[in-house]
Amino acid sequence: MTVSTGGDWALRDLVVNQHISQLDISSDSARFGPLSRVGVQAQLNDVRLGSGKATVDSTHVQVTVPTQSIAGAIQATAPSVSVSSVTTDPGSGTITAAVGSGGIGLLTLHPVLKDGKASLAVDGLTVFGHSVPTSRLGMKDGDLGTASGAQTYPLGLKASVADVQPDGLHITLTGGPSTLPGA
């Protein structure tokens, strides 16, 4: 994890004013629920300490979920199903996982934003070239759940963008004024 401030005077501002104008936090190995090795770049703006609580005026977070992390999450969700590869198609906005022995099945997913949360939904599953209805997979509306594995995001963050890119799923989270937990 890397933490940096938005200016040369951050230590002085922290000591004198109990204020940091910008706090940048990044990690290439964050873990969210079943997702591991997730990249996170967070920017907290106007962080204020004191009065028994710490607050932040706004937050912007970029999350990158690589294809290997998606494969691991599918494997964790269905331990008896092997995942041989995961590929993305940015043009169609889909993610395809080769599942089963030798990749005999193709599970196609797409990102969904609902109620400020990002999730993956099943577009379809084909086994030996034949479609399997998503209702037979035991998932309501084909929903695999929130991409981060969390019921709520911290700091009042809401997912505003979920985009399929060549390296995986990119999620943008934004938040307004909030209290920093545990500060």
C-alpha atoms as a PDB file:
ATOM      1  CA  MET A   1       0.000   0.000   0.000  1.00  0.00           C
ATOM      2  CA  THR A   2       1.223   3.490  -0.846  1.00  0.00           C
ATOM      3  CA  VAL A   3       0.004   6.639   0.886  1.00  0.00           C
ATOM      4  CA  SER A   4       0.891  10.156  -0.251  1.00  0.00           C
ATOM      5  CA  THR A   5      -0.367  13.665   0.319  1.00  0.00           C
ATOM      6  CA  GLY A   6      -1.258  16.332  -2.200  1.00  0.00           C
ATOM      7  CA  GLY A   7       1.384  18.870  -1.222  1.00  0.00           C
ATOM      8  CA  ASP A   8       4.705  19.734   0.413  1.00  0.00           C
ATOM      9  CA  TRP A   9       3.050  21.365   3.407  1.00  0.00           C
ATOM     10  CA  ALA A  10       0.897  18.397   4.430  1.00  0.00           C
ATOM     11  CA  LEU A  11       2.726  17.727   7.706  1.00  0.00           C
ATOM     12  CA  ARG A  12       2.499  21.410   8.713  1.00  0.00           C
ATOM     13  CA  ASP A  13      -1.178  21.531   7.724  1.00  0.00           C
ATOM     14  CA  LEU A  14      -1.833  18.358   9.701  1.00  0.00           C
ATOM     15  CA  VAL A  15      -0.110  19.624  12.859  1.00  0.00           C
ATOM     16  CA  VAL A  16      -1.303  23.240  12.718  1.00  0.00           C
ATOM     17  CA  ASN A  17      -4.730  22.961  11.079  1.00  0.00           C
ATOM     18  CA  GLN A  18      -5.541  19.254  11.563  1.00  0.00           C
ATOM     19  CA  HIS A  19      -6.218  19.221   7.828  1.00  0.00           C
ATOM     20  CA  ILE A  20      -4.865  17.437   4.743  1.00  0.00           C
ATOM     21  CA  SER A  21      -6.093  18.836   1.439  1.00  0.00           C
ATOM     22  CA  GLN A  22      -5.590  15.564  -0.456  1.00  0.00           C
ATOM     23  CA  LEU A  23      -4.691  12.056   0.647  1.00  0.00           C
ATOM     24  CA  ASP A  24      -3.880   9.466  -2.027  1.00  0.00           C
ATOM     25  CA  ILE A  25      -3.924   5.759  -1.167  1.00  0.00           C
ATOM     26  CA  SER A  26      -3.099   2.979  -3.625  1.00  0.00           C
ATOM     27  CA  SER A  27      -2.609  -0.766  -3.527  1.00  0.00           C
ATOM     28  CA  ASP A  28      -2.089  -3.450  -6.155  1.00  0.00           C
ATOM     29  CA  SER A  29      -3.056  -6.271  -3.803  1.00  0.00           C
ATOM     30  CA  ALA A  30      -6.287  -5.286  -2.049  1.00  0.00           C
ATOM     31  CA  ARG A  31      -8.837  -7.938  -1.141  1.00  0.00           C
ATOM     32  CA  PHE A  32     -12.611  -7.436  -1.393  1.00  0.00           C
ATOM     33  CA  GLY A  33     -14.653 -10.460  -0.379  1.00  0.00           C
ATOM     34  CA  PRO A  34     -13.771 -13.274  -2.785  1.00  0.00           C
ATOM     35  CA  LEU A  35     -11.743 -10.910  -5.003  1.00  0.00           C
ATOM     36  CA  SER A  36      -7.998 -10.842  -4.366  1.00  0.00           C
ATOM     37  CA  ARG A  37      -5.118  -8.953  -5.998  1.00  0.00           C
ATOM     38  CA  VAL A  38      -7.435  -6.030  -6.785  1.00  0.00           C
ATOM     39  CA  GLY A  39      -5.884  -2.670  -7.691  1.00  0.00           C
ATOM     40  CA  VAL A  40      -7.226   0.358  -5.806  1.00  0.00           C
ATOM     41  CA  GLN A  41      -6.405   4.044  -6.213  1.00  0.00           C
ATOM     42  CA  ALA A  42      -8.276   6.258  -3.763  1.00  0.00           C
ATOM     43  CA  GLN A  43      -8.221  10.037  -3.442  1.00  0.00           C
ATOM     44  CA  LEU A  44      -9.653  11.585  -0.275  1.00  0.00           C
ATOM     45  CA  ASN A  45     -10.156  15.342  -0.496  1.00  0.00           C
ATOM     46  CA  ASP A  46     -10.236  17.847   2.345  1.00  0.00           C
ATOM     47  CA  VAL A  47      -9.519  15.467   5.231  1.00  0.00           C
ATOM     48  CA  ARG A  48     -10.125  17.147   8.602  1.00  0.00           C
ATOM     49  CA  LEU A  49      -9.104  15.746  11.984  1.00  0.00           C
ATOM     50  CA  GLY A  50     -10.146  16.882  15.424  1.00  0.00           C
ATOM     51  CA  SER A  51     -13.275  17.299  17.533  1.00  0.00           C
ATOM     52  CA  GLY A  52     -13.202  13.564  18.253  1.00  0.00           C
ATOM     53  CA  LYS A  53     -13.842  12.600  14.624  1.00  0.00           C
ATOM     54  CA  ALA A  54     -12.227  12.781  11.223  1.00  0.00           C
ATOM     55  CA  THR A  55     -14.134  13.811   8.120  1.00  0.00           C
ATOM     56  CA  VAL A  56     -13.566  13.836   4.391  1.00  0.00           C
ATOM     57  CA  ASP A  57     -15.278  16.208   1.958  1.00  0.00           C
ATOM     58  CA  SER A  58     -15.216  13.906  -1.081  1.00  0.00           C
ATOM     59  CA  THR A  59     -13.716  10.625  -2.214  1.00  0.00           C
ATOM     60  CA  HIS A  60     -12.898   9.219  -5.650  1.00  0.00           C
ATOM     61  CA  VAL A  61     -11.803   5.583  -6.022  1.00  0.00           C
ATOM     62  CA  GLN A  62     -10.687   3.616  -9.087  1.00  0.00           C
ATOM     63  CA  VAL A  63     -10.850  -0.172  -8.661  1.00  0.00           C
ATOM     64  CA  THR A  64      -9.279  -2.569 -11.165  1.00  0.00           C
ATOM     65  CA  VAL A  65     -10.343  -6.208 -10.890  1.00  0.00           C
ATOM     66  CA  PRO A  66      -7.970  -8.262 -13.079  1.00  0.00           C
ATOM     67  CA  THR A  67      -9.187 -11.329 -14.936  1.00  0.00           C
ATOM     68  CA  GLN A  68      -7.218 -13.613 -12.572  1.00  0.00           C
ATOM     69  CA  SER A  69      -9.187 -12.170  -9.631  1.00  0.00           C
ATOM     70  CA  ILE A  70     -12.472 -12.808 -11.429  1.00  0.00           C
ATOM     71  CA  ALA A  71     -11.382 -16.414 -12.071  1.00  0.00           C
ATOM     72  CA  GLY A  72     -10.539 -16.825  -8.378  1.00  0.00           C
ATOM     73  CA  ALA A  73     -13.913 -15.381  -7.319  1.00  0.00           C
ATOM     74  CA  ILE A  74     -15.807 -17.748  -9.628  1.00  0.00           C
ATOM     75  CA  GLN A  75     -13.774 -20.641  -8.228  1.00  0.00           C
ATOM     76  CA  ALA A  76     -14.534 -19.489  -4.649  1.00  0.00           C
ATOM     77  CA  THR A  77     -18.260 -19.189  -5.446  1.00  0.00           C
ATOM     78  CA  ALA A  78     -18.428 -22.647  -7.046  1.00  0.00           C
ATOM     79  CA  PRO A  79     -15.482 -24.676  -5.623  1.00  0.00           C
ATOM     80  CA  SER A  80     -16.362 -27.792  -7.610  1.00  0.00           C
ATOM     81  CA  VAL A  81     -16.107 -25.916 -10.936  1.00  0.00           C
ATOM     82  CA  SER A  82     -12.652 -25.349 -12.373  1.00  0.00           C
ATOM     83  CA  VAL A  83     -11.911 -22.116 -14.240  1.00  0.00           C
ATOM     84  CA  SER A  84      -9.263 -22.476 -16.937  1.00  0.00           C
ATOM     85  CA  SER A  85      -9.295 -18.886 -18.234  1.00  0.00           C
ATOM     86  CA  VAL A  86     -11.110 -15.552 -18.108  1.00  0.00           C
ATOM     87  CA  THR A  87     -11.119 -13.137 -21.024  1.00  0.00           C
ATOM     88  CA  THR A  88     -12.742  -9.768 -21.597  1.00  0.00           C
ATOM     89  CA  ASP A  89     -14.467  -8.252 -24.606  1.00  0.00           C
ATOM     90  CA  PRO A  90     -14.509  -4.473 -24.103  1.00  0.00           C
ATOM     91  CA  GLY A  91     -16.505  -4.020 -27.327  1.00  0.00           C
ATOM     92  CA  SER A  92     -19.462  -6.018 -26.018  1.00  0.00           C
ATOM     93  CA  GLY A  93     -18.839  -5.194 -22.358  1.00  0.00           C
ATOM     94  CA  THR A  94     -18.676  -8.862 -21.395  1.00  0.00           C
ATOM     95  CA  ILE A  95     -16.370 -11.184 -19.487  1.00  0.00           C
ATOM     96  CA  THR A  96     -16.119 -14.850 -20.508  1.00  0.00           C
ATOM     97  CA  ALA A  97     -14.867 -17.628 -18.242  1.00  0.00           C
ATOM     98  CA  ALA A  98     -13.927 -21.047 -19.600  1.00  0.00           C
ATOM     99  CA  VAL A  99     -15.265 -23.387 -16.913  1.00  0.00           C
ATOM    100  CA  GLY A 100     -15.277 -27.114 -16.287  1.00  0.00           C
ATOM    101  CA  SER A 101     -12.804 -29.766 -17.296  1.00  0.00           C
ATOM    102  CA  GLY A 102     -10.812 -28.439 -20.235  1.00  0.00           C
ATOM    103  CA  GLY A 103     -13.028 -25.344 -20.453  1.00  0.00           C
ATOM    104  CA  ILE A 104     -16.041 -27.281 -21.806  1.00  0.00           C
ATOM    105  CA  GLY A 105     -18.356 -24.521 -20.662  1.00  0.00           C
ATOM    106  CA  LEU A 106     -18.362 -20.794 -21.361  1.00  0.00           C
ATOM    107  CA  LEU A 107     -19.835 -18.532 -18.700  1.00  0.00           C
ATOM    108  CA  THR A 108     -20.538 -15.020 -19.993  1.00  0.00           C
ATOM    109  CA  LEU A 109     -20.892 -12.164 -17.495  1.00  0.00           C
ATOM    110  CA  HIS A 110     -21.546  -8.435 -17.706  1.00  0.00           C
ATOM    111  CA  PRO A 111     -21.212  -5.666 -15.101  1.00  0.00           C
ATOM    112  CA  VAL A 112     -24.354  -4.136 -13.608  1.00  0.00           C
ATOM    113  CA  LEU A 113     -24.795  -0.959 -11.566  1.00  0.00           C
ATOM    114  CA  LYS A 114     -27.760  -1.004  -9.214  1.00  0.00           C
ATOM    115  CA  ASP A 115     -28.449   1.097  -6.127  1.00  0.00           C
ATOM    116  CA  GLY A 116     -24.890   2.469  -6.182  1.00  0.00           C
ATOM    117  CA  LYS A 117     -23.303  -0.980  -6.182  1.00  0.00           C
ATOM    118  CA  ALA A 118     -21.444  -2.872  -8.891  1.00  0.00           C
ATOM    119  CA  SER A 119     -22.163  -6.528  -9.527  1.00  0.00           C
ATOM    120  CA  LEU A 120     -21.681  -9.133 -12.216  1.00  0.00           C
ATOM    121  CA  ALA A 121     -24.670 -10.762 -13.863  1.00  0.00           C
ATOM    122  CA  VAL A 122     -24.719 -13.921 -15.950  1.00  0.00           C
ATOM    123  CA  ASP A 123     -25.531 -13.389 -19.631  1.00  0.00           C
ATOM    124  CA  GLY A 124     -25.400 -17.084 -20.331  1.00  0.00           C
ATOM    125  CA  LEU A 125     -23.706 -20.422 -19.952  1.00  0.00           C
ATOM    126  CA  THR A 126     -23.014 -22.812 -22.783  1.00  0.00           C
ATOM    127  CA  VAL A 127     -21.784 -26.366 -22.241  1.00  0.00           C
ATOM    128  CA  PHE A 128     -20.618 -28.276 -25.297  1.00  0.00           C
ATOM    129  CA  GLY A 129     -22.154 -25.463 -27.335  1.00  0.00           C
ATOM    130  CA  HIS A 130     -25.633 -25.830 -25.791  1.00  0.00           C
ATOM    131  CA  SER A 131     -27.216 -23.043 -23.726  1.00  0.00           C
ATOM    132  CA  VAL A 132     -28.048 -23.655 -20.086  1.00  0.00           C
ATOM    133  CA  PRO A 133     -30.791 -21.379 -18.690  1.00  0.00           C
ATOM    134  CA  THR A 134     -29.453 -19.097 -15.947  1.00  0.00           C
ATOM    135  CA  SER A 135     -32.393 -20.150 -13.755  1.00  0.00           C
ATOM    136  CA  ARG A 136     -30.795 -23.608 -13.562  1.00  0.00           C
ATOM    137  CA  LEU A 137     -27.621 -22.071 -12.099  1.00  0.00           C
ATOM    138  CA  GLY A 138     -29.383 -21.239  -8.831  1.00  0.00           C
ATOM    139  CA  MET A 139     -28.966 -17.467  -9.194  1.00  0.00           C
ATOM    140  CA  LYS A 140     -31.777 -14.962  -8.935  1.00  0.00           C
ATOM    141  CA  ASP A 141     -31.881 -13.002 -12.218  1.00  0.00           C
ATOM    142  CA  GLY A 142     -28.395 -14.315 -13.004  1.00  0.00           C
ATOM    143  CA  ASP A 143     -26.859 -12.022 -10.350  1.00  0.00           C
ATOM    144  CA  LEU A 144     -23.499 -13.091  -8.928  1.00  0.00           C
ATOM    145  CA  GLY A 145     -23.597 -10.405  -6.211  1.00  0.00           C
ATOM    146  CA  THR A 146     -21.588  -7.278  -5.591  1.00  0.00           C
ATOM    147  CA  ALA A 147     -18.220  -7.178  -7.268  1.00  0.00           C
ATOM    148  CA  SER A 148     -16.507  -6.121  -4.073  1.00  0.00           C
ATOM    149  CA  GLY A 149     -18.208  -8.776  -1.961  1.00  0.00           C
ATOM    150  CA  ALA A 150     -19.453  -6.078   0.430  1.00  0.00           C
ATOM    151  CA  GLN A 151     -23.036  -5.132   1.261  1.00  0.00           C
ATOM    152  CA  THR A 152     -22.142  -1.449   1.538  1.00  0.00           C
ATOM    153  CA  TYR A 153     -19.106   0.526   0.475  1.00  0.00           C
ATOM    154  CA  PRO A 154     -17.218   2.582   3.070  1.00  0.00           C
ATOM    155  CA  LEU A 155     -17.312   6.392   3.226  1.00  0.00           C
ATOM    156  CA  GLY A 156     -20.718   6.480   1.558  1.00  0.00           C
ATOM    157  CA  LEU A 157     -19.132   5.507  -1.753  1.00  0.00           C
ATOM    158  CA  LYS A 158     -21.397   4.670  -4.669  1.00  0.00           C
ATOM    159  CA  ALA A 159     -20.393   2.865  -7.848  1.00  0.00           C
ATOM    160  CA  SER A 160     -20.877   5.207 -10.793  1.00  0.00           C
ATOM    161  CA  VAL A 161     -19.084   3.324 -13.580  1.00  0.00           C
ATOM    162  CA  ALA A 162     -18.401  -0.367 -14.220  1.00  0.00           C
ATOM    163  CA  ASP A 163     -16.475  -0.858 -17.431  1.00  0.00           C
ATOM    164  CA  VAL A 164     -14.938  -3.955 -19.053  1.00  0.00           C
ATOM    165  CA  GLN A 165     -11.390  -3.300 -20.275  1.00  0.00           C
ATOM    166  CA  PRO A 166      -8.732  -5.640 -21.761  1.00  0.00           C
ATOM    167  CA  ASP A 167      -7.138  -6.206 -18.325  1.00  0.00           C
ATOM    168  CA  GLY A 168     -10.383  -6.800 -16.396  1.00  0.00           C
ATOM    169  CA  LEU A 169     -13.231  -4.900 -14.774  1.00  0.00           C
ATOM    170  CA  HIS A 170     -12.774  -1.219 -13.889  1.00  0.00           C
ATOM    171  CA  ILE A 171     -15.123   0.296 -11.301  1.00  0.00           C
ATOM    172  CA  THR A 172     -15.336   3.968 -10.343  1.00  0.00           C
ATOM    173  CA  LEU A 173     -16.668   4.826  -6.888  1.00  0.00           C
ATOM    174  CA  THR A 174     -17.462   8.363  -5.724  1.00  0.00           C
ATOM    175  CA  GLY A 175     -18.569   9.747  -2.411  1.00  0.00           C
ATOM    176  CA  GLY A 176     -19.421  13.050  -0.801  1.00  0.00           C
ATOM    177  CA  PRO A 177     -18.920  14.274   2.738  1.00  0.00           C
ATOM    178  CA  SER A 178     -18.376  11.438   5.215  1.00  0.00           C
ATOM    179  CA  THR A 179     -16.895  10.548   8.576  1.00  0.00           C
ATOM    180  CA  LEU A 180     -13.748   8.412   8.500  1.00  0.00           C
ATOM    181  CA  PRO A 181     -14.326   5.203  10.479  1.00  0.00           C
ATOM    182  CA  GLY A 182     -11.920   4.429  13.304  1.00  0.00           C
ATOM    183  CA  ALA A 183     -10.196   7.827  13.134  1.00  0.00           C
END
